[in-house]
Structures are given as structure tokens and as C-alpha cells.
Amino acid sequence: MIRFATMSAAAAVALSVLSSLPASARTPYDGAWSVVIITDRGTCDRAYRYSVQITDGIVRYSGEMGMDFRGRVGRGGSVAVSVAAGGSRADGTGRLGQSYGGGSWRGNSSTGQCSGRWTAERR
């Protein structure tokens, strides 16, 4: 009986210490990012800038435009994202570091095939 009470008290102390620690990101890439998408080939708009949020490695669009933005950041910072809006769709890959990242994308729209590069900066 004493052993159980001692273990319960120790567990309560451990839980109270852990709950008082500041919250931390679940992945090193979690947080707000600003992404610039640049068209190098095709007739898509020349550049776009988006705010995205990464939570638990899942990439989400933070804006108000009607876009389906899906993506994931792997443990080593590898990124795979798919964006769709209206009749357009683009897929991007690349890598994130602690504060910056970049990669390439390819897609199609009502104006044809497009491709280019993207850069990201932590906010």
C-alpha cells in the first residue's frame, strides 16, 4: 500500500512538472511560413505569395482563398505538397531547414502546363 501511494505521488509530481513546461513544436518545422511560388515555364502568373502553417508536420494554407492545400514535412525536412484551386492543380517537392527552404513545382491550369520553383521563410 505504501509503495502504491509513493508511486502515485511521484507520478503526480512528474505530471505537474511536465504540465508547467512551455509548449514546444512537435516537429522542428512547425510554425508560420511565408512561401513564394515562382513560375519559370508556362503561362501561369509569374509569382504568388502564400502564408502557410505547419502543425505536427502537416502543411495548411493560412489564407482565405478557396484552395485545397495538402502537404507534409518529413523528419529530415523533405516536403511534398499538392495545391488545387478551380480547375488548376500543382504539386511541389523540396526541403525545409530551420528557417528557410525551397524546391520545385509542376502543374496545369486552364492556360496549360507550368513549372517553377518555390522558396519558404519562417515567420
N, C-alpha and C. Protein backbone atom coordinates (compact mmCIF):
# COMPACT_ATOMS: atom_id res chain seq x y z
N MET A 1 0.81 -1.19 0.00
CA MET A 1 0.00 0.00 0.00
C MET A 1 0.87 1.26 0.00
N ILE A 2 1.93 1.26 0.78
CA ILE A 2 2.83 2.42 0.82
C ILE A 2 3.51 2.59 -0.52
N ARG A 3 3.90 1.51 -1.14
CA ARG A 3 4.57 1.59 -2.43
C ARG A 3 3.67 2.23 -3.48
N PHE A 4 2.39 1.85 -3.53
CA PHE A 4 1.43 2.41 -4.48
C PHE A 4 1.26 3.91 -4.23
N ALA A 5 1.15 4.32 -2.98
CA ALA A 5 0.99 5.73 -2.65
C ALA A 5 2.22 6.53 -3.06
N THR A 6 3.41 5.96 -2.86
CA THR A 6 4.64 6.63 -3.25
C THR A 6 4.71 6.79 -4.76
N MET A 7 4.34 5.74 -5.50
CA MET A 7 4.34 5.82 -6.96
C MET A 7 3.32 6.83 -7.45
N SER A 8 2.15 6.88 -6.83
CA SER A 8 1.12 7.84 -7.23
C SER A 8 1.57 9.26 -6.98
N ALA A 9 2.21 9.49 -5.85
CA ALA A 9 2.71 10.83 -5.54
C ALA A 9 3.80 11.23 -6.53
N ALA A 10 4.69 10.29 -6.85
CA ALA A 10 5.76 10.58 -7.81
C ALA A 10 5.17 10.88 -9.18
N ALA A 11 4.16 10.14 -9.59
CA ALA A 11 3.51 10.38 -10.88
C ALA A 11 2.84 11.75 -10.89
N ALA A 12 2.20 12.12 -9.80
CA ALA A 12 1.53 13.43 -9.72
C ALA A 12 2.55 14.57 -9.82
N VAL A 13 3.68 14.41 -9.14
CA VAL A 13 4.74 15.43 -9.21
C VAL A 13 5.28 15.52 -10.63
N ALA A 14 5.55 14.38 -11.27
CA ALA A 14 6.07 14.37 -12.64
C ALA A 14 5.09 15.04 -13.59
N LEU A 15 3.81 14.73 -13.47
CA LEU A 15 2.80 15.35 -14.34
C LEU A 15 2.72 16.85 -14.13
N SER A 16 2.80 17.29 -12.87
CA SER A 16 2.71 18.73 -12.63
C SER A 16 3.94 19.45 -13.18
N VAL A 17 5.11 18.84 -13.09
CA VAL A 17 6.33 19.44 -13.66
C VAL A 17 6.22 19.50 -15.17
N LEU A 18 5.79 18.40 -15.80
CA LEU A 18 5.67 18.39 -17.26
C LEU A 18 4.64 19.39 -17.74
N SER A 19 3.53 19.53 -17.03
CA SER A 19 2.50 20.45 -17.49
C SER A 19 2.91 21.90 -17.33
N SER A 20 3.91 22.17 -16.47
CA SER A 20 4.35 23.55 -16.30
C SER A 20 5.43 23.95 -17.29
N LEU A 21 5.98 22.97 -18.04
CA LEU A 21 6.98 23.29 -19.05
C LEU A 21 6.34 24.01 -20.22
N PRO A 22 7.05 24.91 -20.89
CA PRO A 22 6.47 25.61 -22.04
C PRO A 22 6.18 24.63 -23.18
N ALA A 23 5.12 24.91 -23.91
CA ALA A 23 4.76 24.07 -25.05
C ALA A 23 5.82 24.21 -26.13
N SER A 24 6.12 23.13 -26.80
CA SER A 24 7.11 23.20 -27.87
C SER A 24 6.53 22.58 -29.13
N ALA A 25 7.13 22.91 -30.26
CA ALA A 25 6.69 22.38 -31.54
C ALA A 25 6.92 20.87 -31.56
N ARG A 26 6.03 20.18 -32.23
CA ARG A 26 6.15 18.74 -32.30
C ARG A 26 7.14 18.32 -33.38
N THR A 27 7.37 19.19 -34.36
CA THR A 27 8.44 18.96 -35.33
C THR A 27 9.25 20.25 -35.40
N PRO A 28 10.50 20.17 -35.83
CA PRO A 28 11.30 21.39 -35.90
C PRO A 28 10.81 22.37 -36.97
N TYR A 29 9.86 21.96 -37.80
CA TYR A 29 9.38 22.80 -38.90
C TYR A 29 8.02 23.43 -38.59
N ASP A 30 7.43 23.09 -37.46
CA ASP A 30 6.12 23.63 -37.10
C ASP A 30 6.19 25.14 -36.92
N GLY A 31 5.15 25.82 -37.35
CA GLY A 31 5.05 27.26 -37.20
C GLY A 31 4.58 27.92 -38.48
N ALA A 32 4.62 29.24 -38.50
CA ALA A 32 4.17 30.03 -39.65
C ALA A 32 5.32 30.20 -40.65
N TRP A 33 5.00 30.05 -41.93
CA TRP A 33 5.97 30.19 -43.02
C TRP A 33 5.36 31.06 -44.11
N SER A 34 6.20 31.83 -44.78
CA SER A 34 5.82 32.57 -45.97
C SER A 34 6.44 31.87 -47.17
N VAL A 35 5.60 31.53 -48.14
CA VAL A 35 6.06 30.78 -49.31
C VAL A 35 5.87 31.62 -50.57
N VAL A 36 6.92 31.71 -51.37
CA VAL A 36 6.85 32.39 -52.67
C VAL A 36 6.98 31.33 -53.75
N ILE A 37 5.99 31.32 -54.66
CA ILE A 37 5.98 30.37 -55.77
C ILE A 37 6.26 31.14 -57.05
N ILE A 38 7.30 30.77 -57.77
CA ILE A 38 7.73 31.48 -58.97
C ILE A 38 7.56 30.57 -60.18
N THR A 39 6.94 31.12 -61.24
CA THR A 39 6.77 30.38 -62.48
C THR A 39 7.98 30.63 -63.37
N ASP A 40 8.66 29.56 -63.78
CA ASP A 40 9.80 29.67 -64.69
C ASP A 40 9.41 29.28 -66.12
N ARG A 41 8.44 28.38 -66.25
CA ARG A 41 7.99 27.92 -67.57
C ARG A 41 6.47 27.87 -67.60
N GLY A 42 5.90 28.31 -68.71
CA GLY A 42 4.45 28.26 -68.87
C GLY A 42 3.82 29.62 -68.76
N THR A 43 2.50 29.63 -68.89
CA THR A 43 1.78 30.91 -68.91
C THR A 43 1.03 31.19 -67.61
N CYS A 44 1.38 30.51 -66.52
CA CYS A 44 0.77 30.81 -65.22
C CYS A 44 1.26 32.18 -64.75
N ASP A 45 0.57 32.76 -63.78
CA ASP A 45 1.03 34.02 -63.21
C ASP A 45 2.48 33.89 -62.77
N ARG A 46 3.22 34.98 -62.87
CA ARG A 46 4.67 34.96 -62.62
C ARG A 46 5.04 34.54 -61.20
N ALA A 47 4.31 35.03 -60.20
CA ALA A 47 4.67 34.70 -58.81
C ALA A 47 3.45 34.80 -57.91
N TYR A 48 3.47 34.02 -56.85
CA TYR A 48 2.44 34.02 -55.82
C TYR A 48 3.15 34.03 -54.47
N ARG A 49 2.50 34.60 -53.48
CA ARG A 49 3.00 34.52 -52.10
C ARG A 49 1.85 34.04 -51.22
N TYR A 50 2.15 33.04 -50.39
CA TYR A 50 1.14 32.47 -49.51
C TYR A 50 1.71 32.35 -48.10
N SER A 51 0.83 32.46 -47.13
CA SER A 51 1.18 32.15 -45.74
C SER A 51 0.68 30.75 -45.46
N VAL A 52 1.56 29.91 -44.94
CA VAL A 52 1.15 28.56 -44.57
C VAL A 52 1.52 28.31 -43.12
N GLN A 53 0.82 27.37 -42.54
CA GLN A 53 1.07 26.97 -41.16
C GLN A 53 1.42 25.49 -41.17
N ILE A 54 2.49 25.13 -40.49
CA ILE A 54 2.85 23.73 -40.34
C ILE A 54 2.60 23.34 -38.89
N THR A 55 1.78 22.31 -38.71
CA THR A 55 1.43 21.80 -37.40
C THR A 55 1.61 20.29 -37.40
N ASP A 56 2.45 19.80 -36.52
CA ASP A 56 2.75 18.36 -36.46
C ASP A 56 3.21 17.83 -37.81
N GLY A 57 3.91 18.67 -38.57
CA GLY A 57 4.43 18.27 -39.87
C GLY A 57 3.43 18.35 -41.01
N ILE A 58 2.21 18.77 -40.73
CA ILE A 58 1.17 18.89 -41.76
C ILE A 58 1.10 20.34 -42.22
N VAL A 59 1.17 20.55 -43.54
CA VAL A 59 1.16 21.89 -44.12
C VAL A 59 -0.29 22.29 -44.40
N ARG A 60 -0.66 23.48 -43.93
CA ARG A 60 -2.01 24.01 -44.15
C ARG A 60 -1.91 25.45 -44.65
N TYR A 61 -2.80 25.80 -45.56
CA TYR A 61 -2.86 27.17 -46.07
C TYR A 61 -3.52 28.05 -45.03
N SER A 62 -2.94 29.22 -44.76
CA SER A 62 -3.45 30.12 -43.73
C SER A 62 -4.31 31.25 -44.28
N GLY A 63 -4.50 31.33 -45.59
CA GLY A 63 -5.24 32.43 -46.18
C GLY A 63 -6.72 32.16 -46.33
N GLU A 64 -7.38 33.06 -47.04
CA GLU A 64 -8.83 32.97 -47.20
C GLU A 64 -9.26 32.55 -48.59
N MET A 65 -8.33 32.39 -49.52
CA MET A 65 -8.70 31.97 -50.87
C MET A 65 -9.19 30.54 -50.84
N GLY A 66 -10.11 30.18 -51.73
CA GLY A 66 -10.66 28.84 -51.77
C GLY A 66 -9.71 27.85 -52.41
N MET A 67 -8.71 27.42 -51.65
CA MET A 67 -7.70 26.50 -52.17
C MET A 67 -7.69 25.23 -51.34
N ASP A 68 -7.46 24.12 -52.01
CA ASP A 68 -7.26 22.85 -51.33
C ASP A 68 -5.75 22.64 -51.26
N PHE A 69 -5.18 22.83 -50.11
CA PHE A 69 -3.73 22.84 -49.91
C PHE A 69 -3.40 21.69 -48.99
N ARG A 70 -2.72 20.66 -49.50
CA ARG A 70 -2.37 19.50 -48.69
C ARG A 70 -0.88 19.23 -48.77
N GLY A 71 -0.28 18.94 -47.64
CA GLY A 71 1.13 18.65 -47.68
C GLY A 71 1.65 18.13 -46.37
N ARG A 72 2.88 17.65 -46.43
CA ARG A 72 3.52 17.07 -45.25
C ARG A 72 5.01 17.33 -45.31
N VAL A 73 5.59 17.57 -44.12
CA VAL A 73 7.04 17.71 -43.98
C VAL A 73 7.54 16.48 -43.25
N GLY A 74 8.50 15.78 -43.85
CA GLY A 74 9.09 14.60 -43.23
C GLY A 74 10.11 14.96 -42.17
N ARG A 75 10.61 13.96 -41.48
CA ARG A 75 11.56 14.17 -40.38
C ARG A 75 12.82 14.91 -40.81
N GLY A 76 13.33 14.64 -41.98
CA GLY A 76 14.54 15.31 -42.44
C GLY A 76 14.29 16.62 -43.16
N GLY A 77 13.02 17.09 -43.15
CA GLY A 77 12.68 18.34 -43.81
C GLY A 77 12.18 18.20 -45.22
N SER A 78 12.06 16.97 -45.74
CA SER A 78 11.54 16.78 -47.10
C SER A 78 10.07 17.19 -47.13
N VAL A 79 9.69 17.89 -48.19
CA VAL A 79 8.34 18.44 -48.31
C VAL A 79 7.68 17.88 -49.56
N ALA A 80 6.41 17.53 -49.44
CA ALA A 80 5.57 17.17 -50.58
C ALA A 80 4.24 17.86 -50.39
N VAL A 81 3.84 18.69 -51.38
CA VAL A 81 2.63 19.49 -51.27
C VAL A 81 1.83 19.39 -52.57
N SER A 82 0.51 19.43 -52.42
CA SER A 82 -0.39 19.47 -53.57
C SER A 82 -1.38 20.61 -53.35
N VAL A 83 -1.56 21.45 -54.37
CA VAL A 83 -2.46 22.60 -54.28
C VAL A 83 -3.44 22.53 -55.44
N ALA A 84 -4.73 22.73 -55.14
CA ALA A 84 -5.75 22.77 -56.18
C ALA A 84 -6.68 23.94 -55.92
N ALA A 85 -7.05 24.63 -56.99
CA ALA A 85 -7.99 25.75 -56.92
C ALA A 85 -8.67 25.86 -58.27
N GLY A 86 -10.00 25.87 -58.27
CA GLY A 86 -10.72 25.91 -59.54
C GLY A 86 -10.34 24.70 -60.36
N GLY A 87 -9.93 24.91 -61.60
CA GLY A 87 -9.50 23.82 -62.46
C GLY A 87 -8.00 23.64 -62.50
N SER A 88 -7.28 24.31 -61.63
CA SER A 88 -5.82 24.25 -61.63
C SER A 88 -5.32 23.35 -60.51
N ARG A 89 -4.16 22.74 -60.77
CA ARG A 89 -3.54 21.88 -59.76
C ARG A 89 -2.02 21.95 -59.92
N ALA A 90 -1.30 21.92 -58.79
CA ALA A 90 0.15 21.91 -58.81
C ALA A 90 0.66 21.01 -57.69
N ASP A 91 1.78 20.35 -57.96
CA ASP A 91 2.44 19.50 -56.98
C ASP A 91 3.86 20.02 -56.79
N GLY A 92 4.29 20.11 -55.55
CA GLY A 92 5.63 20.60 -55.26
C GLY A 92 6.38 19.67 -54.34
N THR A 93 7.69 19.67 -54.50
CA THR A 93 8.58 18.92 -53.61
C THR A 93 9.76 19.80 -53.27
N GLY A 94 10.44 19.46 -52.18
CA GLY A 94 11.61 20.23 -51.78
C GLY A 94 12.05 19.86 -50.40
N ARG A 95 12.70 20.82 -49.75
CA ARG A 95 13.25 20.57 -48.42
C ARG A 95 13.20 21.86 -47.61
N LEU A 96 12.88 21.70 -46.32
CA LEU A 96 12.92 22.82 -45.38
C LEU A 96 14.09 22.64 -44.43
N GLY A 97 14.69 23.76 -44.06
CA GLY A 97 15.67 23.80 -42.99
C GLY A 97 15.02 24.43 -41.78
N GLN A 98 15.80 24.89 -40.83
CA GLN A 98 15.23 25.52 -39.63
C GLN A 98 14.51 26.82 -39.93
N SER A 99 15.01 27.61 -40.89
CA SER A 99 14.43 28.92 -41.17
C SER A 99 14.09 29.16 -42.62
N TYR A 100 14.67 28.39 -43.53
CA TYR A 100 14.45 28.59 -44.96
C TYR A 100 14.27 27.25 -45.65
N GLY A 101 13.72 27.31 -46.86
CA GLY A 101 13.57 26.10 -47.64
C GLY A 101 13.30 26.44 -49.08
N GLY A 102 13.21 25.41 -49.90
CA GLY A 102 12.92 25.63 -51.31
C GLY A 102 12.76 24.32 -52.04
N GLY A 103 12.33 24.44 -53.29
CA GLY A 103 12.13 23.26 -54.11
C GLY A 103 11.55 23.63 -55.46
N SER A 104 10.91 22.67 -56.07
CA SER A 104 10.33 22.88 -57.40
C SER A 104 8.87 22.47 -57.40
N TRP A 105 8.15 22.91 -58.42
CA TRP A 105 6.75 22.55 -58.57
C TRP A 105 6.43 22.38 -60.04
N ARG A 106 5.35 21.67 -60.29
CA ARG A 106 4.86 21.43 -61.65
C ARG A 106 3.34 21.34 -61.57
N GLY A 107 2.67 21.92 -62.55
CA GLY A 107 1.21 21.87 -62.51
C GLY A 107 0.58 22.20 -63.84
N ASN A 108 -0.75 22.23 -63.82
CA ASN A 108 -1.50 22.61 -65.01
C ASN A 108 -2.66 23.52 -64.61
N SER A 109 -3.03 24.37 -65.54
CA SER A 109 -4.13 25.29 -65.32
C SER A 109 -4.89 25.41 -66.63
N SER A 110 -5.86 26.29 -66.65
CA SER A 110 -6.63 26.50 -67.87
C SER A 110 -5.76 27.05 -69.00
N THR A 111 -4.60 27.61 -68.66
CA THR A 111 -3.70 28.16 -69.67
C THR A 111 -2.63 27.17 -70.11
N GLY A 112 -2.60 25.97 -69.53
CA GLY A 112 -1.62 24.96 -69.93
C GLY A 112 -0.72 24.52 -68.81
N GLN A 113 0.38 23.86 -69.18
CA GLN A 113 1.36 23.35 -68.22
C GLN A 113 2.27 24.47 -67.73
N CYS A 114 2.60 24.41 -66.44
CA CYS A 114 3.52 25.38 -65.85
C CYS A 114 4.45 24.66 -64.90
N SER A 115 5.59 25.27 -64.64
CA SER A 115 6.53 24.72 -63.66
C SER A 115 7.40 25.85 -63.14
N GLY A 116 8.07 25.57 -62.04
CA GLY A 116 8.94 26.59 -61.47
C GLY A 116 9.55 26.14 -60.18
N ARG A 117 9.80 27.12 -59.31
CA ARG A 117 10.47 26.86 -58.05
C ARG A 117 9.72 27.59 -56.94
N TRP A 118 10.00 27.19 -55.72
CA TRP A 118 9.42 27.86 -54.56
C TRP A 118 10.48 28.06 -53.51
N THR A 119 10.30 29.09 -52.70
CA THR A 119 11.14 29.34 -51.55
C THR A 119 10.24 29.57 -50.35
N ALA A 120 10.74 29.26 -49.18
CA ALA A 120 9.96 29.46 -47.95
C ALA A 120 10.85 30.08 -46.89
N GLU A 121 10.24 30.91 -46.07
CA GLU A 121 10.94 31.56 -44.97
C GLU A 121 10.06 31.49 -43.73
N ARG A 122 10.65 31.10 -42.62
CA ARG A 122 9.90 31.02 -41.36
C ARG A 122 9.53 32.43 -40.89
N ARG A 123 8.34 32.60 -40.40
CA ARG A 123 7.87 33.90 -39.87
C ARG A 123 7.83 33.89 -38.37
